[in-house]
N, C-alpha and C. Protein backbone atom coordinates (compact mmCIF):
# COMPACT_ATOMS: atom_id res chain seq x y z
N MET A 1 7.13 19.79 -2.53
CA MET A 1 6.80 18.90 -1.42
C MET A 1 5.46 18.20 -1.65
N LYS A 2 4.45 18.94 -2.16
CA LYS A 2 3.14 18.33 -2.40
C LYS A 2 3.24 17.17 -3.39
N VAL A 3 4.00 17.36 -4.44
CA VAL A 3 4.13 16.33 -5.47
C VAL A 3 4.75 15.07 -4.87
N ARG A 4 5.79 15.23 -4.07
CA ARG A 4 6.44 14.07 -3.45
C ARG A 4 5.47 13.33 -2.53
N HIS A 5 4.67 14.08 -1.77
CA HIS A 5 3.69 13.45 -0.87
C HIS A 5 2.66 12.67 -1.66
N LEU A 6 2.19 13.24 -2.77
CA LEU A 6 1.19 12.54 -3.57
C LEU A 6 1.79 11.33 -4.28
N ASN A 7 3.01 11.45 -4.76
CA ASN A 7 3.69 10.29 -5.36
C ASN A 7 3.81 9.16 -4.33
N LEU A 8 4.24 9.51 -3.14
CA LEU A 8 4.38 8.51 -2.08
C LEU A 8 3.02 7.94 -1.70
N ALA A 9 2.01 8.78 -1.56
CA ALA A 9 0.66 8.30 -1.24
C ALA A 9 0.19 7.32 -2.30
N GLY A 10 0.41 7.66 -3.56
CA GLY A 10 0.01 6.76 -4.65
C GLY A 10 0.73 5.43 -4.57
N ALA A 11 2.02 5.48 -4.29
CA ALA A 11 2.79 4.23 -4.17
C ALA A 11 2.27 3.38 -3.01
N LEU A 12 1.94 4.01 -1.89
CA LEU A 12 1.45 3.27 -0.73
C LEU A 12 0.10 2.62 -1.01
N VAL A 13 -0.80 3.36 -1.64
CA VAL A 13 -2.12 2.80 -1.97
C VAL A 13 -1.96 1.63 -2.94
N PHE A 14 -1.15 1.82 -3.98
CA PHE A 14 -0.94 0.78 -4.97
C PHE A 14 -0.31 -0.46 -4.35
N ILE A 15 0.75 -0.28 -3.58
CA ILE A 15 1.44 -1.40 -2.94
C ILE A 15 0.49 -2.14 -2.00
N GLY A 16 -0.26 -1.39 -1.20
CA GLY A 16 -1.19 -2.01 -0.26
C GLY A 16 -2.23 -2.86 -0.97
N ALA A 17 -2.86 -2.31 -2.00
CA ALA A 17 -3.89 -3.05 -2.73
C ALA A 17 -3.28 -4.26 -3.44
N ALA A 18 -2.12 -4.07 -4.06
CA ALA A 18 -1.49 -5.16 -4.81
C ALA A 18 -1.07 -6.30 -3.89
N GLU A 19 -0.40 -5.97 -2.78
CA GLU A 19 0.05 -7.05 -1.90
C GLU A 19 -1.14 -7.78 -1.29
N PHE A 20 -2.20 -7.04 -0.94
CA PHE A 20 -3.37 -7.72 -0.38
C PHE A 20 -4.02 -8.63 -1.40
N LEU A 21 -4.19 -8.15 -2.61
CA LEU A 21 -4.80 -8.96 -3.67
C LEU A 21 -3.99 -10.23 -3.92
N ILE A 22 -2.67 -10.09 -3.99
CA ILE A 22 -1.81 -11.26 -4.22
C ILE A 22 -1.89 -12.24 -3.06
N PHE A 23 -1.79 -11.75 -1.82
CA PHE A 23 -1.81 -12.66 -0.68
C PHE A 23 -3.20 -13.23 -0.42
N MET A 24 -4.25 -12.51 -0.83
CA MET A 24 -5.59 -13.08 -0.75
C MET A 24 -5.70 -14.27 -1.70
N MET A 25 -5.17 -14.11 -2.92
CA MET A 25 -5.21 -15.22 -3.89
C MET A 25 -4.36 -16.40 -3.41
N VAL A 26 -3.20 -16.12 -2.83
CA VAL A 26 -2.37 -17.20 -2.28
C VAL A 26 -3.14 -17.92 -1.18
N SER A 27 -3.78 -17.17 -0.31
CA SER A 27 -4.56 -17.77 0.78
C SER A 27 -5.70 -18.62 0.23
N GLU A 28 -6.39 -18.12 -0.79
CA GLU A 28 -7.48 -18.90 -1.41
C GLU A 28 -6.97 -20.21 -1.99
N ALA A 29 -5.77 -20.16 -2.55
CA ALA A 29 -5.21 -21.35 -3.19
C ALA A 29 -4.80 -22.42 -2.19
N ILE A 30 -4.34 -22.01 -1.01
CA ILE A 30 -3.84 -23.01 -0.06
C ILE A 30 -4.82 -23.36 1.06
N TYR A 31 -5.91 -22.59 1.19
CA TYR A 31 -6.92 -22.89 2.21
C TYR A 31 -7.67 -24.16 1.80
N PRO A 32 -7.76 -25.16 2.67
CA PRO A 32 -8.40 -26.42 2.30
C PRO A 32 -9.88 -26.25 1.90
N ASP A 33 -10.22 -26.73 0.73
CA ASP A 33 -11.61 -26.74 0.24
C ASP A 33 -12.27 -25.36 0.20
N TYR A 34 -11.48 -24.34 -0.06
CA TYR A 34 -12.01 -22.97 -0.11
C TYR A 34 -12.75 -22.73 -1.42
N SER A 35 -13.89 -22.07 -1.34
CA SER A 35 -14.70 -21.76 -2.52
C SER A 35 -14.92 -20.25 -2.58
N ILE A 36 -14.47 -19.61 -3.66
CA ILE A 36 -14.71 -18.17 -3.78
C ILE A 36 -16.19 -17.87 -3.98
N ALA A 37 -16.95 -18.85 -4.41
CA ALA A 37 -18.39 -18.64 -4.57
C ALA A 37 -19.12 -18.71 -3.24
N HIS A 38 -18.68 -19.58 -2.35
CA HIS A 38 -19.47 -19.84 -1.15
C HIS A 38 -18.84 -19.39 0.17
N ASP A 39 -17.53 -19.18 0.19
CA ASP A 39 -16.86 -18.80 1.44
C ASP A 39 -16.57 -17.31 1.48
N ALA A 40 -16.73 -16.73 2.66
CA ALA A 40 -16.42 -15.31 2.85
C ALA A 40 -14.92 -15.09 2.71
N ILE A 41 -14.56 -13.92 2.26
CA ILE A 41 -13.14 -13.57 2.16
C ILE A 41 -12.49 -13.67 3.54
N SER A 42 -13.20 -13.24 4.56
CA SER A 42 -12.65 -13.24 5.92
C SER A 42 -12.41 -14.63 6.48
N ALA A 43 -12.98 -15.66 5.86
CA ALA A 43 -12.69 -17.03 6.31
C ALA A 43 -11.20 -17.32 6.18
N LEU A 44 -10.53 -16.60 5.27
CA LEU A 44 -9.09 -16.77 5.08
C LEU A 44 -8.29 -16.28 6.28
N GLY A 45 -8.93 -15.48 7.13
CA GLY A 45 -8.27 -14.93 8.32
C GLY A 45 -8.31 -15.85 9.51
N VAL A 46 -8.83 -17.05 9.31
CA VAL A 46 -8.95 -18.02 10.39
C VAL A 46 -8.35 -19.33 9.90
N GLY A 47 -7.56 -19.98 10.72
CA GLY A 47 -7.02 -21.29 10.35
C GLY A 47 -5.68 -21.21 9.64
N LEU A 48 -5.48 -22.12 8.70
CA LEU A 48 -4.21 -22.32 8.01
C LEU A 48 -3.63 -21.04 7.41
N THR A 49 -4.46 -20.20 6.84
CA THR A 49 -3.97 -19.02 6.13
C THR A 49 -4.08 -17.73 6.96
N SER A 50 -4.38 -17.85 8.22
CA SER A 50 -4.64 -16.66 9.03
C SER A 50 -3.47 -15.68 9.06
N TYR A 51 -2.25 -16.19 9.20
CA TYR A 51 -1.11 -15.26 9.27
C TYR A 51 -0.92 -14.52 7.95
N ILE A 52 -1.04 -15.22 6.86
CA ILE A 52 -0.86 -14.58 5.55
C ILE A 52 -1.94 -13.52 5.34
N PHE A 53 -3.19 -13.93 5.51
CA PHE A 53 -4.31 -13.03 5.24
C PHE A 53 -4.34 -11.85 6.20
N ASN A 54 -4.27 -12.11 7.49
CA ASN A 54 -4.42 -11.04 8.48
C ASN A 54 -3.27 -10.03 8.39
N LEU A 55 -2.04 -10.51 8.23
CA LEU A 55 -0.92 -9.57 8.10
C LEU A 55 -1.04 -8.73 6.83
N SER A 56 -1.49 -9.34 5.73
CA SER A 56 -1.58 -8.59 4.48
C SER A 56 -2.69 -7.55 4.54
N ILE A 57 -3.81 -7.87 5.19
CA ILE A 57 -4.89 -6.88 5.25
C ILE A 57 -4.57 -5.77 6.26
N ILE A 58 -3.87 -6.11 7.34
CA ILE A 58 -3.42 -5.08 8.29
C ILE A 58 -2.43 -4.13 7.59
N LEU A 59 -1.51 -4.69 6.82
CA LEU A 59 -0.55 -3.84 6.08
C LEU A 59 -1.29 -2.96 5.09
N PHE A 60 -2.24 -3.51 4.35
CA PHE A 60 -3.04 -2.72 3.41
C PHE A 60 -3.69 -1.54 4.12
N GLY A 61 -4.35 -1.81 5.23
CA GLY A 61 -5.01 -0.73 5.98
C GLY A 61 -4.04 0.31 6.49
N ALA A 62 -2.90 -0.15 7.01
CA ALA A 62 -1.89 0.79 7.53
C ALA A 62 -1.36 1.70 6.42
N LEU A 63 -1.12 1.13 5.24
CA LEU A 63 -0.64 1.95 4.12
C LEU A 63 -1.69 2.96 3.67
N ILE A 64 -2.96 2.56 3.71
CA ILE A 64 -4.05 3.49 3.37
C ILE A 64 -4.11 4.63 4.39
N ILE A 65 -3.92 4.33 5.66
CA ILE A 65 -3.95 5.36 6.70
C ILE A 65 -2.83 6.38 6.47
N VAL A 66 -1.62 5.91 6.20
CA VAL A 66 -0.50 6.82 5.93
C VAL A 66 -0.78 7.64 4.67
N ALA A 67 -1.30 6.98 3.64
CA ALA A 67 -1.62 7.69 2.39
C ALA A 67 -2.68 8.76 2.63
N SER A 68 -3.66 8.48 3.49
CA SER A 68 -4.71 9.48 3.75
C SER A 68 -4.11 10.74 4.37
N TYR A 69 -3.13 10.56 5.25
CA TYR A 69 -2.45 11.71 5.85
C TYR A 69 -1.70 12.51 4.79
N LEU A 70 -0.96 11.82 3.93
CA LEU A 70 -0.18 12.50 2.89
C LEU A 70 -1.09 13.22 1.89
N ILE A 71 -2.21 12.61 1.57
CA ILE A 71 -3.16 13.25 0.64
C ILE A 71 -3.78 14.48 1.27
N GLU A 72 -4.17 14.38 2.52
CA GLU A 72 -4.76 15.55 3.20
C GLU A 72 -3.75 16.68 3.30
N LYS A 73 -2.51 16.34 3.61
CA LYS A 73 -1.45 17.34 3.74
C LYS A 73 -1.18 18.04 2.40
N SER A 74 -1.33 17.30 1.31
CA SER A 74 -1.02 17.84 -0.01
C SER A 74 -2.19 18.55 -0.67
N THR A 75 -3.40 18.01 -0.48
CA THR A 75 -4.56 18.56 -1.21
C THR A 75 -5.50 19.36 -0.33
N LYS A 76 -5.42 19.20 0.97
CA LYS A 76 -6.33 19.83 1.93
C LYS A 76 -7.77 19.35 1.74
N ASP A 77 -7.94 18.21 1.07
CA ASP A 77 -9.26 17.64 0.86
C ASP A 77 -9.62 16.78 2.06
N LYS A 78 -10.30 17.37 3.01
CA LYS A 78 -10.61 16.68 4.26
C LYS A 78 -11.62 15.55 4.06
N LEU A 79 -12.57 15.73 3.15
CA LEU A 79 -13.57 14.69 2.93
C LEU A 79 -12.92 13.41 2.41
N MET A 80 -12.16 13.53 1.34
CA MET A 80 -11.53 12.35 0.77
C MET A 80 -10.53 11.73 1.75
N SER A 81 -9.73 12.54 2.40
CA SER A 81 -8.73 11.98 3.32
C SER A 81 -9.40 11.33 4.54
N THR A 82 -10.52 11.88 4.99
CA THR A 82 -11.25 11.26 6.11
C THR A 82 -11.83 9.92 5.70
N PHE A 83 -12.45 9.86 4.50
CA PHE A 83 -12.98 8.59 4.01
C PHE A 83 -11.85 7.56 3.87
N LEU A 84 -10.71 7.98 3.32
CA LEU A 84 -9.57 7.08 3.18
C LEU A 84 -9.08 6.60 4.55
N PHE A 85 -8.99 7.52 5.50
CA PHE A 85 -8.54 7.16 6.85
C PHE A 85 -9.46 6.11 7.46
N LEU A 86 -10.78 6.32 7.36
CA LEU A 86 -11.74 5.37 7.92
C LEU A 86 -11.71 4.03 7.17
N PHE A 87 -11.50 4.09 5.86
CA PHE A 87 -11.32 2.87 5.07
C PHE A 87 -10.10 2.11 5.59
N GLY A 88 -9.00 2.81 5.84
CA GLY A 88 -7.80 2.18 6.37
C GLY A 88 -8.01 1.59 7.75
N ILE A 89 -8.70 2.32 8.61
CA ILE A 89 -8.99 1.81 9.96
C ILE A 89 -9.83 0.53 9.88
N GLY A 90 -10.88 0.56 9.05
CA GLY A 90 -11.72 -0.63 8.90
C GLY A 90 -10.94 -1.81 8.35
N THR A 91 -10.10 -1.54 7.36
CA THR A 91 -9.32 -2.60 6.73
C THR A 91 -8.34 -3.22 7.73
N CYS A 92 -7.62 -2.39 8.46
CA CYS A 92 -6.71 -2.91 9.51
C CYS A 92 -7.48 -3.75 10.52
N SER A 93 -8.63 -3.25 10.91
CA SER A 93 -9.41 -3.91 11.95
C SER A 93 -9.94 -5.27 11.52
N VAL A 94 -10.16 -5.46 10.21
CA VAL A 94 -10.58 -6.77 9.72
C VAL A 94 -9.51 -7.81 10.05
N GLY A 95 -8.24 -7.45 9.94
CA GLY A 95 -7.15 -8.36 10.27
C GLY A 95 -6.91 -8.49 11.76
N ILE A 96 -7.17 -7.42 12.50
CA ILE A 96 -6.97 -7.45 13.95
C ILE A 96 -8.07 -8.26 14.63
N PHE A 97 -9.30 -8.14 14.10
CA PHE A 97 -10.46 -8.86 14.62
C PHE A 97 -10.94 -9.86 13.56
N PRO A 98 -10.35 -11.05 13.51
CA PRO A 98 -10.75 -12.02 12.49
C PRO A 98 -12.21 -12.46 12.70
N GLY A 99 -12.70 -13.25 11.78
CA GLY A 99 -14.10 -13.67 11.79
C GLY A 99 -14.55 -14.38 13.05
N THR A 100 -13.63 -14.90 13.85
CA THR A 100 -13.99 -15.56 15.11
C THR A 100 -14.45 -14.55 16.16
N VAL A 101 -14.12 -13.28 15.98
CA VAL A 101 -14.56 -12.22 16.89
C VAL A 101 -15.70 -11.51 16.15
N ARG A 102 -16.86 -12.12 16.19
CA ARG A 102 -17.96 -11.77 15.28
C ARG A 102 -18.36 -10.30 15.26
N PHE A 103 -18.72 -9.71 16.38
CA PHE A 103 -19.24 -8.34 16.37
C PHE A 103 -18.19 -7.35 15.88
N GLU A 104 -17.01 -7.41 16.47
CA GLU A 104 -15.95 -6.49 16.08
C GLU A 104 -15.57 -6.67 14.61
N HIS A 105 -15.55 -7.91 14.16
CA HIS A 105 -15.21 -8.17 12.77
C HIS A 105 -16.28 -7.60 11.83
N MET A 106 -17.53 -7.76 12.20
CA MET A 106 -18.62 -7.23 11.37
C MET A 106 -18.53 -5.71 11.27
N VAL A 107 -18.28 -5.04 12.39
CA VAL A 107 -18.13 -3.58 12.38
C VAL A 107 -16.94 -3.18 11.52
N ALA A 108 -15.83 -3.89 11.67
CA ALA A 108 -14.63 -3.59 10.89
C ALA A 108 -14.88 -3.77 9.40
N ALA A 109 -15.50 -4.88 9.03
CA ALA A 109 -15.76 -5.15 7.62
C ALA A 109 -16.71 -4.11 7.03
N MET A 110 -17.78 -3.78 7.75
CA MET A 110 -18.72 -2.77 7.24
C MET A 110 -18.04 -1.41 7.10
N THR A 111 -17.16 -1.06 8.04
CA THR A 111 -16.42 0.20 7.95
C THR A 111 -15.54 0.19 6.71
N ALA A 112 -14.83 -0.91 6.48
CA ALA A 112 -13.97 -1.01 5.30
C ALA A 112 -14.80 -0.96 4.02
N PHE A 113 -15.90 -1.68 3.97
CA PHE A 113 -16.73 -1.72 2.76
C PHE A 113 -17.33 -0.34 2.46
N VAL A 114 -17.96 0.26 3.45
CA VAL A 114 -18.63 1.54 3.23
C VAL A 114 -17.64 2.64 2.87
N PHE A 115 -16.58 2.77 3.67
CA PHE A 115 -15.64 3.86 3.42
C PHE A 115 -14.70 3.57 2.26
N GLY A 116 -14.54 2.31 1.89
CA GLY A 116 -13.82 2.00 0.65
C GLY A 116 -14.60 2.51 -0.55
N GLY A 117 -15.90 2.20 -0.58
CA GLY A 117 -16.75 2.69 -1.67
C GLY A 117 -16.84 4.21 -1.69
N LEU A 118 -17.00 4.81 -0.51
CA LEU A 118 -17.08 6.28 -0.44
C LEU A 118 -15.75 6.93 -0.83
N SER A 119 -14.63 6.30 -0.49
CA SER A 119 -13.32 6.83 -0.89
C SER A 119 -13.20 6.86 -2.41
N ALA A 120 -13.65 5.78 -3.05
CA ALA A 120 -13.61 5.73 -4.51
C ALA A 120 -14.43 6.87 -5.11
N ILE A 121 -15.63 7.07 -4.59
CA ILE A 121 -16.49 8.14 -5.10
C ILE A 121 -15.88 9.51 -4.83
N ALA A 122 -15.39 9.73 -3.61
CA ALA A 122 -14.84 11.04 -3.24
C ALA A 122 -13.54 11.35 -3.98
N SER A 123 -12.86 10.33 -4.49
CA SER A 123 -11.59 10.59 -5.17
C SER A 123 -11.77 11.34 -6.49
N TYR A 124 -13.01 11.45 -6.96
CA TYR A 124 -13.24 12.24 -8.18
C TYR A 124 -12.75 13.67 -7.98
N ARG A 125 -12.72 14.11 -6.73
CA ARG A 125 -12.31 15.49 -6.43
C ARG A 125 -10.83 15.71 -6.70
N ALA A 126 -10.05 14.63 -6.70
CA ALA A 126 -8.60 14.76 -6.88
C ALA A 126 -8.13 14.16 -8.21
N THR A 127 -9.08 13.75 -9.02
CA THR A 127 -8.71 13.13 -10.29
C THR A 127 -9.44 13.81 -11.44
N LYS A 128 -9.01 13.52 -12.63
CA LYS A 128 -9.62 14.08 -13.83
C LYS A 128 -10.23 12.96 -14.66
N PRO A 129 -11.20 13.31 -15.52
CA PRO A 129 -11.76 12.29 -16.41
C PRO A 129 -10.68 11.71 -17.31
N PRO A 130 -10.77 10.48 -17.68
CA PRO A 130 -11.88 9.56 -17.41
C PRO A 130 -11.77 8.85 -16.06
N PHE A 131 -10.61 8.95 -15.38
CA PHE A 131 -10.46 8.19 -14.14
C PHE A 131 -11.45 8.66 -13.07
N SER A 132 -11.79 9.93 -13.03
CA SER A 132 -12.76 10.39 -12.02
C SER A 132 -14.11 9.69 -12.22
N TYR A 133 -14.51 9.49 -13.47
CA TYR A 133 -15.78 8.80 -13.76
C TYR A 133 -15.68 7.32 -13.40
N ILE A 134 -14.55 6.73 -13.69
CA ILE A 134 -14.33 5.31 -13.36
C ILE A 134 -14.37 5.12 -11.85
N SER A 135 -13.78 6.05 -11.11
CA SER A 135 -13.78 5.98 -9.64
C SER A 135 -15.19 6.03 -9.09
N ILE A 136 -15.98 6.96 -9.59
CA ILE A 136 -17.37 7.07 -9.13
C ILE A 136 -18.12 5.77 -9.43
N MET A 137 -17.94 5.25 -10.65
CA MET A 137 -18.63 4.02 -11.04
C MET A 137 -18.23 2.85 -10.13
N LEU A 138 -16.93 2.69 -9.87
CA LEU A 138 -16.48 1.59 -9.01
C LEU A 138 -17.02 1.73 -7.59
N GLY A 139 -17.04 2.95 -7.07
CA GLY A 139 -17.60 3.17 -5.73
C GLY A 139 -19.08 2.85 -5.68
N ILE A 140 -19.81 3.24 -6.71
CA ILE A 140 -21.25 2.97 -6.76
C ILE A 140 -21.50 1.47 -6.88
N VAL A 141 -20.74 0.78 -7.73
CA VAL A 141 -20.91 -0.67 -7.86
C VAL A 141 -20.68 -1.35 -6.51
N SER A 142 -19.64 -0.94 -5.81
CA SER A 142 -19.34 -1.54 -4.51
C SER A 142 -20.47 -1.29 -3.51
N LEU A 143 -20.90 -0.04 -3.39
CA LEU A 143 -21.96 0.29 -2.43
C LEU A 143 -23.30 -0.32 -2.84
N PHE A 144 -23.58 -0.34 -4.13
CA PHE A 144 -24.80 -0.99 -4.63
C PHE A 144 -24.79 -2.47 -4.26
N SER A 145 -23.64 -3.11 -4.46
CA SER A 145 -23.52 -4.53 -4.14
C SER A 145 -23.68 -4.79 -2.65
N LEU A 146 -23.27 -3.84 -1.84
CA LEU A 146 -23.37 -3.98 -0.39
C LEU A 146 -24.80 -3.78 0.10
N PHE A 147 -25.46 -2.72 -0.39
CA PHE A 147 -26.75 -2.32 0.19
C PHE A 147 -27.98 -2.70 -0.63
N VAL A 148 -27.88 -2.75 -1.94
CA VAL A 148 -29.05 -2.97 -2.79
C VAL A 148 -29.11 -4.39 -3.34
N ALA A 149 -27.99 -4.92 -3.78
CA ALA A 149 -27.97 -6.25 -4.40
C ALA A 149 -28.58 -7.34 -3.52
N PRO A 150 -28.41 -7.30 -2.18
CA PRO A 150 -29.03 -8.36 -1.37
C PRO A 150 -30.55 -8.48 -1.56
N PHE A 151 -31.21 -7.38 -1.89
CA PHE A 151 -32.65 -7.42 -2.10
C PHE A 151 -33.03 -8.15 -3.39
N PHE A 152 -32.05 -8.31 -4.29
CA PHE A 152 -32.27 -9.03 -5.53
C PHE A 152 -31.76 -10.46 -5.45
N HIS A 153 -31.34 -10.87 -4.26
CA HIS A 153 -30.88 -12.24 -4.00
C HIS A 153 -29.74 -12.66 -4.93
N ILE A 154 -28.80 -11.73 -5.14
CA ILE A 154 -27.64 -11.99 -6.00
C ILE A 154 -26.84 -13.19 -5.48
N ALA A 155 -26.78 -13.32 -4.15
CA ALA A 155 -26.00 -14.41 -3.56
C ALA A 155 -26.55 -15.78 -3.98
N SER A 156 -27.83 -15.87 -4.29
CA SER A 156 -28.38 -17.16 -4.71
C SER A 156 -27.86 -17.54 -6.10
N VAL A 157 -27.38 -16.56 -6.85
CA VAL A 157 -26.85 -16.82 -8.19
C VAL A 157 -25.34 -17.04 -8.16
N ILE A 158 -24.60 -16.14 -7.46
CA ILE A 158 -23.13 -16.21 -7.47
C ILE A 158 -22.54 -16.65 -6.13
N GLY A 159 -23.38 -17.02 -5.21
CA GLY A 159 -22.93 -17.47 -3.90
C GLY A 159 -22.63 -16.29 -2.98
N SER A 160 -22.60 -16.55 -1.69
CA SER A 160 -22.34 -15.46 -0.73
C SER A 160 -20.92 -14.93 -0.88
N GLY A 161 -19.97 -15.80 -1.19
CA GLY A 161 -18.59 -15.35 -1.42
C GLY A 161 -18.50 -14.49 -2.67
N GLY A 162 -19.21 -14.88 -3.71
CA GLY A 162 -19.25 -14.08 -4.94
C GLY A 162 -19.89 -12.73 -4.70
N ALA A 163 -20.96 -12.71 -3.92
CA ALA A 163 -21.64 -11.44 -3.62
C ALA A 163 -20.72 -10.51 -2.82
N GLU A 164 -19.97 -11.08 -1.87
CA GLU A 164 -19.03 -10.25 -1.11
C GLU A 164 -17.93 -9.70 -2.02
N ARG A 165 -17.49 -10.49 -2.96
CA ARG A 165 -16.47 -10.03 -3.90
C ARG A 165 -16.97 -8.90 -4.80
N MET A 166 -18.27 -8.85 -5.03
CA MET A 166 -18.84 -7.73 -5.80
C MET A 166 -18.74 -6.42 -5.02
N VAL A 167 -18.57 -6.51 -3.71
CA VAL A 167 -18.33 -5.33 -2.87
C VAL A 167 -16.84 -5.01 -2.84
N VAL A 168 -16.01 -6.02 -2.66
CA VAL A 168 -14.59 -5.83 -2.42
C VAL A 168 -13.78 -5.56 -3.69
N TYR A 169 -14.02 -6.33 -4.74
CA TYR A 169 -13.20 -6.19 -5.95
C TYR A 169 -13.24 -4.80 -6.56
N PRO A 170 -14.40 -4.14 -6.65
CA PRO A 170 -14.37 -2.77 -7.20
C PRO A 170 -13.49 -1.83 -6.37
N ILE A 171 -13.46 -2.02 -5.06
CA ILE A 171 -12.61 -1.19 -4.21
C ILE A 171 -11.14 -1.47 -4.49
N LEU A 172 -10.79 -2.74 -4.64
CA LEU A 172 -9.39 -3.09 -4.93
C LEU A 172 -8.97 -2.58 -6.30
N VAL A 173 -9.84 -2.72 -7.29
CA VAL A 173 -9.53 -2.20 -8.63
C VAL A 173 -9.35 -0.68 -8.57
N TRP A 174 -10.24 -0.01 -7.84
CA TRP A 174 -10.11 1.45 -7.70
C TRP A 174 -8.79 1.80 -7.00
N ALA A 175 -8.46 1.09 -5.91
CA ALA A 175 -7.23 1.41 -5.16
C ALA A 175 -5.99 1.26 -6.04
N LEU A 176 -5.96 0.21 -6.85
CA LEU A 176 -4.82 0.03 -7.77
C LEU A 176 -4.77 1.20 -8.76
N GLY A 177 -5.91 1.54 -9.33
CA GLY A 177 -5.96 2.64 -10.29
C GLY A 177 -5.65 3.98 -9.66
N PHE A 178 -6.19 4.23 -8.48
CA PHE A 178 -5.97 5.50 -7.79
C PHE A 178 -4.51 5.66 -7.42
N GLY A 179 -3.91 4.59 -6.92
CA GLY A 179 -2.49 4.64 -6.59
C GLY A 179 -1.66 4.96 -7.81
N ALA A 180 -1.94 4.28 -8.92
CA ALA A 180 -1.21 4.53 -10.16
C ALA A 180 -1.46 5.95 -10.66
N TYR A 181 -2.69 6.41 -10.54
CA TYR A 181 -3.03 7.77 -10.97
C TYR A 181 -2.22 8.79 -10.18
N LEU A 182 -2.19 8.63 -8.86
CA LEU A 182 -1.45 9.58 -8.03
C LEU A 182 0.04 9.57 -8.34
N MET A 183 0.59 8.40 -8.60
CA MET A 183 2.01 8.32 -8.93
C MET A 183 2.31 8.99 -10.26
N SER A 184 1.43 8.86 -11.22
CA SER A 184 1.71 9.38 -12.56
C SER A 184 1.24 10.81 -12.76
N ARG A 185 0.26 11.25 -11.96
CA ARG A 185 -0.33 12.56 -12.19
C ARG A 185 -0.14 13.52 -11.02
N ALA A 186 0.76 13.21 -10.10
CA ALA A 186 0.92 14.03 -8.90
C ALA A 186 1.23 15.49 -9.25
N GLU A 187 1.99 15.72 -10.31
CA GLU A 187 2.33 17.10 -10.69
C GLU A 187 1.08 17.88 -11.06
N ALA A 188 0.12 17.23 -11.72
CA ALA A 188 -1.11 17.90 -12.12
C ALA A 188 -2.03 18.18 -10.94
N ILE A 189 -1.99 17.31 -9.92
CA ILE A 189 -2.84 17.48 -8.76
C ILE A 189 -2.25 18.47 -7.77
N GLY A 190 -0.95 18.32 -7.49
CA GLY A 190 -0.28 19.13 -6.49
C GLY A 190 -0.12 20.52 -6.95
């Protein structure tokens, strides 16, 4: 039973990250005059691409929430599953509260960013090297980009949209890898 839960959790994490990444790129392509260097990712949740973006990020968050339950049930790792759950809640909330709802959106985005990075770091507990090291590195890069990079004015070099992507992309790369890891290595973990 544990192996099946972990396989399913891995599939959900992978599918959620993949579909969001694909629909984010579709939204970027069709949003009028969108710049990945200068526009926030959440700008895609308002206007022409709002349905595509918001539905895809809500689905991503919902799949992460279900995966967090399956992982906790299989591994009893409350820290990692709690971080994943909060990451899922934040991610869903970004789509529920688009950028036009400023305060709620900011709280949702910060929850997703912080707990996405912490989930990557905490996943070392359920993975083996080299992926455990890669997970820690991706989580640190994301959190560093969120909290430390602004002091170095990174946005003046790569734009505010680029700086935000330095937070988000490591989390998405980790989620794809973690999902694949769980699907392929569930027998070793369970």
